[in-house]
PDB file of N, CA and C in Angstrom:
ATOM      1  N   GLN A   1     -88.147-246.046  93.392  1.00  0.00           N
ATOM      2  CA  GLN A   1     -89.088-245.240  94.088  1.00  0.00           C
ATOM      3  C   GLN A   1     -88.222-244.413  95.144  1.00  0.00           C
ATOM      4  N   ALA A   2     -88.489-243.287  95.203  1.00  0.00           N
ATOM      5  CA  ALA A   2     -87.742-242.522  95.989  1.00  0.00           C
ATOM      6  C   ALA A   2     -87.946-243.041  97.716  1.00  0.00           C
ATOM      7  N   LYS A   3     -87.239-242.599  98.349  1.00  0.00           N
ATOM      8  CA  LYS A   3     -87.221-243.265  99.858  1.00  0.00           C
ATOM      9  C   LYS A   3     -88.185-242.286 100.528  1.00  0.00           C
ATOM     10  N   SER A   4     -88.477-241.400 100.298  1.00  0.00           N
ATOM     11  CA  SER A   4     -89.582-240.450 100.837  1.00  0.00           C
ATOM     12  C   SER A   4     -90.972-240.631 100.464  1.00  0.00           C
ATOM     13  N   TRP A   5     -91.162-241.395  99.459  1.00  0.00           N
ATOM     14  CA  TRP A   5     -92.504-241.745  99.088  1.00  0.00           C
ATOM     15  C   TRP A   5     -93.128-242.999 100.068  1.00  0.00           C
ATOM     16  N   LYS A   6     -94.451-242.591 100.530  1.00  0.00           N
ATOM     17  CA  LYS A   6     -94.889-243.749 101.580  1.00  0.00           C
ATOM     18  C   LYS A   6     -95.435-244.624 100.857  1.00  0.00           C
ATOM     19  N   LYS A   7     -96.090-244.659  99.780  1.00  0.00           N
ATOM     20  CA  LYS A   7     -96.622-245.420  98.853  1.00  0.00           C
ATOM     21  C   LYS A   7     -95.644-245.680  97.612  1.00  0.00           C
ATOM     22  N   PRO A   8     -95.643-247.108  97.047  1.00  0.00           N
ATOM     23  CA  PRO A   8     -95.216-247.021  96.063  1.00  0.00           C
ATOM     24  C   PRO A   8     -95.776-246.446  94.787  1.00  0.00           C
ATOM     25  N   GLN A   9     -94.701-245.708  93.787  1.00  0.00           N
ATOM     26  CA  GLN A   9     -95.548-245.285  92.498  1.00  0.00           C
ATOM     27  C   GLN A   9     -95.186-245.329  91.269  1.00  0.00           C
ATOM     28  N   ARG A  10     -95.641-245.078  90.386  1.00  0.00           N
ATOM     29  CA  ARG A  10     -95.246-245.676  89.054  1.00  0.00           C
ATOM     30  C   ARG A  10     -94.565-244.384  88.321  1.00  0.00           C
ATOM     31  N   VAL A  11     -93.731-244.524  87.803  1.00  0.00           N
ATOM     32  CA  VAL A  11     -93.035-243.479  86.934  1.00  0.00           C
ATOM     33  C   VAL A  11     -92.740-243.965  85.676  1.00  0.00           C
ATOM     34  N   VAL A  12     -93.689-243.025  84.703  1.00  0.00           N
ATOM     35  CA  VAL A  12     -93.580-243.398  83.140  1.00  0.00           C
ATOM     36  C   VAL A  12     -92.904-242.530  82.510  1.00  0.00           C
ATOM     37  N   ILE A  13     -92.074-242.706  81.758  1.00  0.00           N
ATOM     38  CA  ILE A  13     -91.234-241.948  80.735  1.00  0.00           C
ATOM     39  C   ILE A  13     -91.450-241.837  79.234  1.00  0.00           C
ATOM     40  N   LYS A  14     -91.734-240.712  78.678  1.00  0.00           N
ATOM     41  CA  LYS A  14     -91.642-240.624  77.197  1.00  0.00           C
ATOM     42  C   LYS A  14     -90.843-240.128  76.359  1.00  0.00           C
ATOM     43  N   SER A  15     -89.862-240.632  75.765  1.00  0.00           N
ATOM     44  CA  SER A  15     -88.685-239.933  75.117  1.00  0.00           C
ATOM     45  C   SER A  15     -89.070-239.785  73.390  1.00  0.00           C
ATOM     46  N   THR A  16     -89.115-238.858  73.026  1.00  0.00           N
ATOM     47  CA  THR A  16     -89.255-238.399  71.630  1.00  0.00           C
ATOM     48  C   THR A  16     -88.316-237.691  71.094  1.00  0.00           C
ATOM     49  N   ARG A  17     -87.856-237.820  69.874  1.00  0.00           N
ATOM     50  CA  ARG A  17     -86.748-237.134  69.153  1.00  0.00           C
ATOM     51  C   ARG A  17     -87.296-235.859  68.266  1.00  0.00           C
ATOM     52  N   ASP A  18     -86.272-234.797  68.518  1.00  0.00           N
ATOM     53  CA  ASP A  18     -86.830-233.523  67.848  1.00  0.00           C
ATOM     54  C   ASP A  18     -85.679-233.122  67.084  1.00  0.00           C
ATOM     55  N   GLY A  19     -85.442-233.410  65.847  1.00  0.00           N
ATOM     56  CA  GLY A  19     -84.043-233.327  65.055  1.00  0.00           C
ATOM     57  C   GLY A  19     -82.849-233.947  65.587  1.00  0.00           C
ATOM     58  N   LEU A  20     -82.021-233.292  66.113  1.00  0.00           N
ATOM     59  CA  LEU A  20     -80.872-233.823  66.730  1.00  0.00           C
ATOM     60  C   LEU A  20     -81.088-234.067  68.489  1.00  0.00           C
ATOM     61  N   LEU A  21     -82.210-233.214  69.036  1.00  0.00           N
ATOM     62  CA  LEU A  21     -82.149-233.521  70.468  1.00  0.00           C
ATOM     63  C   LEU A  21     -83.472-234.290  70.667  1.00  0.00           C
ATOM     64  N   PHE A  22     -83.067-234.819  71.952  1.00  0.00           N
ATOM     65  CA  PHE A  22     -84.269-235.765  72.252  1.00  0.00           C
ATOM     66  C   PHE A  22     -85.071-235.066  73.594  1.00  0.00           C
ATOM     67  N   ARG A  23     -86.252-235.289  73.589  1.00  0.00           N
ATOM     68  CA  ARG A  23     -87.382-234.454  74.655  1.00  0.00           C
ATOM     69  C   ARG A  23     -87.767-235.731  75.797  1.00  0.00           C
ATOM     70  N   HIS A  24     -87.648-235.510  76.695  1.00  0.00           N
ATOM     71  CA  HIS A  24     -88.015-236.589  77.983  1.00  0.00           C
ATOM     72  C   HIS A  24     -89.056-235.822  78.835  1.00  0.00           C
ATOM     73  N   GLU A  25     -90.323-236.614  78.627  1.00  0.00           N
ATOM     74  CA  GLU A  25     -91.304-236.317  79.735  1.00  0.00           C
ATOM     75  C   GLU A  25     -91.486-237.367  80.784  1.00  0.00           C
ATOM     76  N   PHE A  26     -91.957-236.697  81.936  1.00  0.00           N
ATOM     77  CA  PHE A  26     -92.018-238.048  82.915  1.00  0.00           C
ATOM     78  C   PHE A  26     -93.640-237.680  83.769  1.00  0.00           C
ATOM     79  N   VAL A  27     -94.215-238.651  84.076  1.00  0.00           N
ATOM     80  CA  VAL A  27     -95.202-238.617  84.930  1.00  0.00           C
ATOM     81  C   VAL A  27     -95.047-239.621  85.868  1.00  0.00           C
ATOM     82  N   THR A  28     -95.429-239.127  87.284  1.00  0.00           N
ATOM     83  CA  THR A  28     -95.519-239.785  88.381  1.00  0.00           C
ATOM     84  C   THR A  28     -96.879-240.299  88.576  1.00  0.00           C
ATOM     85  N   THR A  29     -97.430-241.188  88.839  1.00  0.00           N
ATOM     86  CA  THR A  29     -99.007-241.738  88.915  1.00  0.00           C
ATOM     87  C   THR A  29     -98.972-242.868  89.833  1.00  0.00           C
ATOM     88  N   ASN A  30     -99.864-243.010  90.525  1.00  0.00           N
ATOM     89  CA  ASN A  30    -100.604-244.330  91.102  1.00  0.00           C
ATOM     90  C   ASN A  30    -101.357-244.798  90.356  1.00  0.00           C
ATOM     91  N   LEU A  31    -101.711-244.563  89.093  1.00  0.00           N
ATOM     92  CA  LEU A  31    -102.532-245.509  88.187  1.00  0.00           C
ATOM     93  C   LEU A  31    -101.765-246.967  88.136  1.00  0.00           C
ATOM     94  N   SER A  32    -102.728-247.875  87.929  1.00  0.00           N
ATOM     95  CA  SER A  32    -102.325-249.559  87.849  1.00  0.00           C
ATOM     96  C   SER A  32    -101.501-249.716  86.520  1.00  0.00           C
ATOM     97  N   THR A  33    -100.541-250.499  86.654  1.00  0.00           N
ATOM     98  CA  THR A  33     -99.779-251.189  85.937  1.00  0.00           C
ATOM     99  C   THR A  33    -100.459-251.602  84.705  1.00  0.00           C
ATOM    100  N   VAL A  34    -101.858-252.101  84.743  1.00  0.00           N
ATOM    101  CA  VAL A  34    -102.530-252.592  83.743  1.00  0.00           C
ATOM    102  C   VAL A  34    -102.585-251.689  82.672  1.00  0.00           C
ATOM    103  N   ILE A  35    -102.639-250.625  83.128  1.00  0.00           N
ATOM    104  CA  ILE A  35    -103.035-249.089  82.115  1.00  0.00           C
ATOM    105  C   ILE A  35    -101.939-249.057  81.307  1.00  0.00           C
ATOM    106  N   ARG A  36    -101.634-249.304  79.956  1.00  0.00           N
ATOM    107  CA  ARG A  36    -100.333-248.846  79.210  1.00  0.00           C
ATOM    108  C   ARG A  36    -100.009-247.630  79.452  1.00  0.00           C
ATOM    109  N   ASN A  37     -98.676-247.251  78.880  1.00  0.00           N
ATOM    110  CA  ASN A  37     -98.098-246.220  79.260  1.00  0.00           C
ATOM    111  C   ASN A  37     -98.399-245.140  78.463  1.00  0.00           C
ATOM    112  N   ASP A  38     -98.884-245.177  77.065  1.00  0.00           N
ATOM    113  CA  ASP A  38     -99.522-244.479  76.145  1.00  0.00           C
ATOM    114  C   ASP A  38    -100.877-243.479  76.502  1.00  0.00           C
ATOM    115  N   GLN A  39    -101.646-244.660  77.360  1.00  0.00           N
ATOM    116  CA  GLN A  39    -103.050-244.233  78.255  1.00  0.00           C
ATOM    117  C   GLN A  39    -102.812-243.397  79.338  1.00  0.00           C
ATOM    118  N   VAL A  40    -101.562-243.803  79.889  1.00  0.00           N
ATOM    119  CA  VAL A  40    -101.304-242.869  81.064  1.00  0.00           C
ATOM    120  C   VAL A  40    -101.100-241.497  80.449  1.00  0.00           C
ATOM    121  N   PHE A  41    -100.306-241.158  79.867  1.00  0.00           N
ATOM    122  CA  PHE A  41     -99.918-239.920  79.015  1.00  0.00           C
ATOM    123  C   PHE A  41    -101.376-239.136  78.480  1.00  0.00           C
ATOM    124  N   LYS A  42    -101.838-239.990  77.847  1.00  0.00           N
ATOM    125  CA  LYS A  42    -103.381-239.315  77.174  1.00  0.00           C
ATOM    126  C   LYS A  42    -104.288-238.847  78.470  1.00  0.00           C
ATOM    127  N   THR A  43    -104.004-239.683  79.481  1.00  0.00           N
ATOM    128  CA  THR A  43    -105.030-239.425  80.770  1.00  0.00           C
ATOM    129  C   THR A  43    -104.691-238.069  81.093  1.00  0.00           C
ATOM    130  N   TYR A  44    -103.310-237.780  81.428  1.00  0.00           N
ATOM    131  CA  TYR A  44    -102.950-236.844  82.044  1.00  0.00           C
ATOM    132  C   TYR A  44    -102.778-235.497  80.968  1.00  0.00           C
ATOM    133  N   GLN A  45    -102.714-235.675  79.581  1.00  0.00           N
ATOM    134  CA  GLN A  45    -102.578-234.628  78.812  1.00  0.00           C
ATOM    135  C   GLN A  45    -104.166-234.055  78.623  1.00  0.00           C
ATOM    136  N   ASN A  46    -105.180-235.020  78.754  1.00  0.00           N
ATOM    137  CA  ASN A  46    -106.641-234.697  79.018  1.00  0.00           C
ATOM    138  C   ASN A  46    -106.848-233.791  80.223  1.00  0.00           C
ATOM    139  N   ARG A  47    -106.268-234.386  81.290  1.00  0.00           N
ATOM    140  CA  ARG A  47    -106.433-233.706  82.351  1.00  0.00           C
ATOM    141  C   ARG A  47    -105.952-232.150  82.216  1.00  0.00           C
ATOM    142  N   GLY A  48    -104.800-231.896  81.746  1.00  0.00           N
ATOM    143  CA  GLY A  48    -103.862-230.801  81.591  1.00  0.00           C
ATOM    144  C   GLY A  48    -104.785-229.647  80.693  1.00  0.00           C
ATOM    145  N   THR A  49    -105.353-230.400  79.827  1.00  0.00           N
ATOM    146  CA  THR A  49    -106.502-229.252  78.759  1.00  0.00           C
ATOM    147  C   THR A  49    -107.365-229.051  79.463  1.00  0.00           C
ATOM    148  N   MET A  50    -108.047-230.006  80.502  1.00  0.00           N
ATOM    149  CA  MET A  50    -109.182-229.214  81.069  1.00  0.00           C
ATOM    150  C   MET A  50    -108.880-228.227  82.299  1.00  0.00           C
ATOM    151  N   GLU A  51    -107.775-228.235  82.733  1.00  0.00           N
ATOM    152  CA  GLU A  51    -107.496-227.474  83.813  1.00  0.00           C
ATOM    153  C   GLU A  51    -107.105-226.071  83.078  1.00  0.00           C
ATOM    154  N   ASN A  52    -106.571-226.035  81.912  1.00  0.00           N
ATOM    155  CA  ASN A  52    -106.615-224.902  80.856  1.00  0.00           C
ATOM    156  C   ASN A  52    -107.679-224.334  80.799  1.00  0.00           C
ATOM    157  N   PHE A  53    -108.845-225.241  80.137  1.00  0.00           N
ATOM    158  CA  PHE A  53    -109.865-224.336  80.081  1.00  0.00           C
ATOM    159  C   PHE A  53    -110.771-223.701  81.453  1.00  0.00           C
ATOM    160  N   ILE A  54    -110.617-224.249  82.466  1.00  0.00           N
ATOM    161  CA  ILE A  54    -110.849-223.825  83.741  1.00  0.00           C
ATOM    162  C   ILE A  54    -110.456-222.321  83.917  1.00  0.00           C
ATOM    163  N   LYS A  55    -108.755-222.411  83.915  1.00  0.00           N
ATOM    164  CA  LYS A  55    -108.134-221.211  84.140  1.00  0.00           C
ATOM    165  C   LYS A  55    -108.762-220.189  83.082  1.00  0.00           C
ATOM    166  N   GLU A  56    -108.796-220.593  81.736  1.00  0.00           N
ATOM    167  CA  GLU A  56    -109.419-219.682  80.828  1.00  0.00           C
ATOM    168  C   GLU A  56    -110.555-219.015  81.027  1.00  0.00           C
ATOM    169  N   ILE A  57    -111.681-219.634  81.872  1.00  0.00           N
ATOM    170  CA  ILE A  57    -113.099-219.370  81.966  1.00  0.00           C
ATOM    171  C   ILE A  57    -113.087-218.541  83.304  1.00  0.00           C
ATOM    172  N   LYS A  58    -111.933-218.687  84.057  1.00  0.00           N
ATOM    173  CA  LYS A  58    -111.746-218.006  85.295  1.00  0.00           C
ATOM    174  C   LYS A  58    -111.083-216.756  85.322  1.00  0.00           C
ATOM    175  N   SER A  59    -110.313-216.558  84.177  1.00  0.00           N
ATOM    176  CA  SER A  59    -109.656-215.315  84.019  1.00  0.00           C
ATOM    177  C   SER A  59    -110.343-214.426  82.760  1.00  0.00           C
ATOM    178  N   GLY A  60    -111.059-215.068  81.839  1.00  0.00           N
ATOM    179  CA  GLY A  60    -111.711-214.591  80.554  1.00  0.00           C
ATOM    180  C   GLY A  60    -113.316-214.192  81.341  1.00  0.00           C
ATOM    181  N   PHE A  61    -113.900-214.723  82.008  1.00  0.00           N
ATOM    182  CA  PHE A  61    -115.316-214.505  82.241  1.00  0.00           C
ATOM    183  C   PHE A  61    -115.270-214.108  83.841  1.00  0.00           C
ATOM    184  N   TYR A  62    -114.194-213.715  84.473  1.00  0.00           N
ATOM    185  CA  TYR A  62    -113.980-213.157  85.609  1.00  0.00           C
ATOM    186  C   TYR A  62    -114.760-214.233  86.858  1.00  0.00           C
ATOM    187  N   PHE A  63    -114.799-215.349  86.806  1.00  0.00           N
ATOM    188  CA  PHE A  63    -115.554-216.398  87.366  1.00  0.00           C
ATOM    189  C   PHE A  63    -114.795-216.664  88.846  1.00  0.00           C
ATOM    190  N   ASP A  64    -113.617-216.155  88.627  1.00  0.00           N
ATOM    191  CA  ASP A  64    -112.947-215.899  90.037  1.00  0.00           C
ATOM    192  C   ASP A  64    -113.132-214.958  90.960  1.00  0.00           C
ATOM    193  N   LYS A  65    -114.095-213.738  90.545  1.00  0.00           N
ATOM    194  CA  LYS A  65    -114.444-212.757  91.341  1.00  0.00           C
ATOM    195  C   LYS A  65    -115.740-213.059  91.626  1.00  0.00           C
ATOM    196  N   THR A  66    -116.034-213.968  92.149  1.00  0.00           N
ATOM    197  CA  THR A  66    -117.441-214.037  93.037  1.00  0.00           C
ATOM    198  C   THR A  66    -117.713-213.691  94.407  1.00  0.00           C
ATOM    199  N   ASP A  67    -118.152-212.536  94.604  1.00  0.00           N
ATOM    200  CA  ASP A  67    -118.364-211.895  95.869  1.00  0.00           C
ATOM    201  C   ASP A  67    -118.894-212.351  96.857  1.00  0.00           C
ATOM    202  N   SER A  68    -119.921-213.398  96.587  1.00  0.00           N
ATOM    203  CA  SER A  68    -120.766-213.806  97.568  1.00  0.00           C
ATOM    204  C   SER A  68    -120.515-215.424  98.058  1.00  0.00           C
ATOM    205  N   SER A  69    -121.138-215.477  99.475  1.00  0.00           N
ATOM    206  CA  SER A  69    -120.525-216.861  99.932  1.00  0.00           C
ATOM    207  C   SER A  69    -121.879-217.632  99.373  1.00  0.00           C
ATOM    208  N   ALA A  70    -122.895-217.188  98.813  1.00  0.00           N
ATOM    209  CA  ALA A  70    -124.263-217.915  98.399  1.00  0.00           C
ATOM    210  C   ALA A  70    -123.961-218.529  97.034  1.00  0.00           C
ATOM    211  N   PHE A  71    -124.212-219.616  97.025  1.00  0.00           N
ATOM    212  CA  PHE A  71    -123.920-220.455  95.832  1.00  0.00           C
ATOM    213  C   PHE A  71    -124.826-219.950  94.534  1.00  0.00           C
ATOM    214  N   LEU A  72    -126.100-219.892  94.786  1.00  0.00           N
ATOM    215  CA  LEU A  72    -127.074-219.139  93.779  1.00  0.00           C
ATOM    216  C   LEU A  72    -126.730-217.948  93.347  1.00  0.00           C
ATOM    217  N   THR A  73    -126.295-216.919  94.406  1.00  0.00           N
ATOM    218  CA  THR A  73    -125.751-215.528  93.647  1.00  0.00           C
ATOM    219  C   THR A  73    -124.853-215.674  93.003  1.00  0.00           C
ATOM    220  N   ASN A  74    -123.686-216.598  93.078  1.00  0.00           N
ATOM    221  CA  ASN A  74    -122.566-216.534  92.219  1.00  0.00           C
ATOM    222  C   ASN A  74    -122.925-217.503  91.019  1.00  0.00           C
ATOM    223  N   ALA A  75    -123.635-218.249  90.962  1.00  0.00           N
ATOM    224  CA  ALA A  75    -124.181-218.955  89.819  1.00  0.00           C
ATOM    225  C   ALA A  75    -125.010-218.034  88.951  1.00  0.00           C
ATOM    226  N   ILE A  76    -125.752-217.223  89.348  1.00  0.00           N
ATOM    227  CA  ILE A  76    -126.407-216.236  88.648  1.00  0.00           C
ATOM    228  C   ILE A  76    -125.628-215.154  87.733  1.00  0.00           C
ATOM    229  N   ARG A  77    -124.683-215.016  88.579  1.00  0.00           N
ATOM    230  CA  ARG A  77    -123.618-213.913  88.409  1.00  0.00           C
ATOM    231  C   ARG A  77    -122.670-214.481  87.139  1.00  0.00           C
ATOM    232  N   MET A  78    -122.517-215.789  87.113  1.00  0.00           N
ATOM    233  CA  MET A  78    -121.813-216.566  86.147  1.00  0.00           C
ATOM    234  C   MET A  78    -122.542-216.517  85.244  1.00  0.00           C
ATOM    235  N   THR A  79    -123.747-216.855  85.079  1.00  0.00           N
ATOM    236  CA  THR A  79    -124.788-217.191  84.065  1.00  0.00           C
ATOM    237  C   THR A  79    -124.857-216.062  83.278  1.00  0.00           C
ATOM    238  N   ILE A  80    -124.716-214.672  84.087  1.00  0.00           N
ATOM    239  CA  ILE A  80    -125.067-213.536  83.231  1.00  0.00           C
ATOM    240  C   ILE A  80    -123.894-213.019  82.784  1.00  0.00           C
ATOM    241  N   SER A  81    -122.759-213.420  83.138  1.00  0.00           N
ATOM    242  CA  SER A  81    -121.407-212.936  82.348  1.00  0.00           C
ATOM    243  C   SER A  81    -121.367-213.980  80.815  1.00  0.00           C
ATOM    244  N   GLY A  82    -121.781-215.303  81.076  1.00  0.00           N
ATOM    245  CA  GLY A  82    -121.491-216.135  80.148  1.00  0.00           C
ATOM    246  C   GLY A  82    -122.597-215.571  78.957  1.00  0.00           C
ATOM    247  N   ILE A  83    -123.788-215.177  79.327  1.00  0.00           N
ATOM    248  CA  ILE A  83    -124.802-214.778  78.490  1.00  0.00           C
ATOM    249  C   ILE A  83    -124.233-213.322  77.715  1.00  0.00           C
ATOM    250  N   ALA A  84    -123.665-212.746  78.590  1.00  0.00           N
ATOM    251  CA  ALA A  84    -122.954-211.272  78.070  1.00  0.00           C
ATOM    252  C   ALA A  84    -121.998-211.586  76.874  1.00  0.00           C
ATOM    253  N   TYR A  85    -121.083-212.714  77.202  1.00  0.00           N
ATOM    254  CA  TYR A  85    -120.188-212.933  76.129  1.00  0.00           C
ATOM    255  C   TYR A  85    -120.763-213.511  74.869  1.00  0.00           C
TER     256      TYR A  85
END
């Protein structure tokens, strides 16, 4: 554990061999040690996939261009963009 961390963290390492080279992946998490290492990686991979979908929606449908501070106005604009697509 790094000295700067206020709470204990779990570091999970995944090493895979790609030809002659090794690829190392690290995840720092506060998930319980009851959860297996492969499940930790699966959880974070699913989260990354969902964040990519959100980024794609925001840029592809211009959902980040909500001009109004009113929820209903923005929801209608997003619905129209989705239907137009």
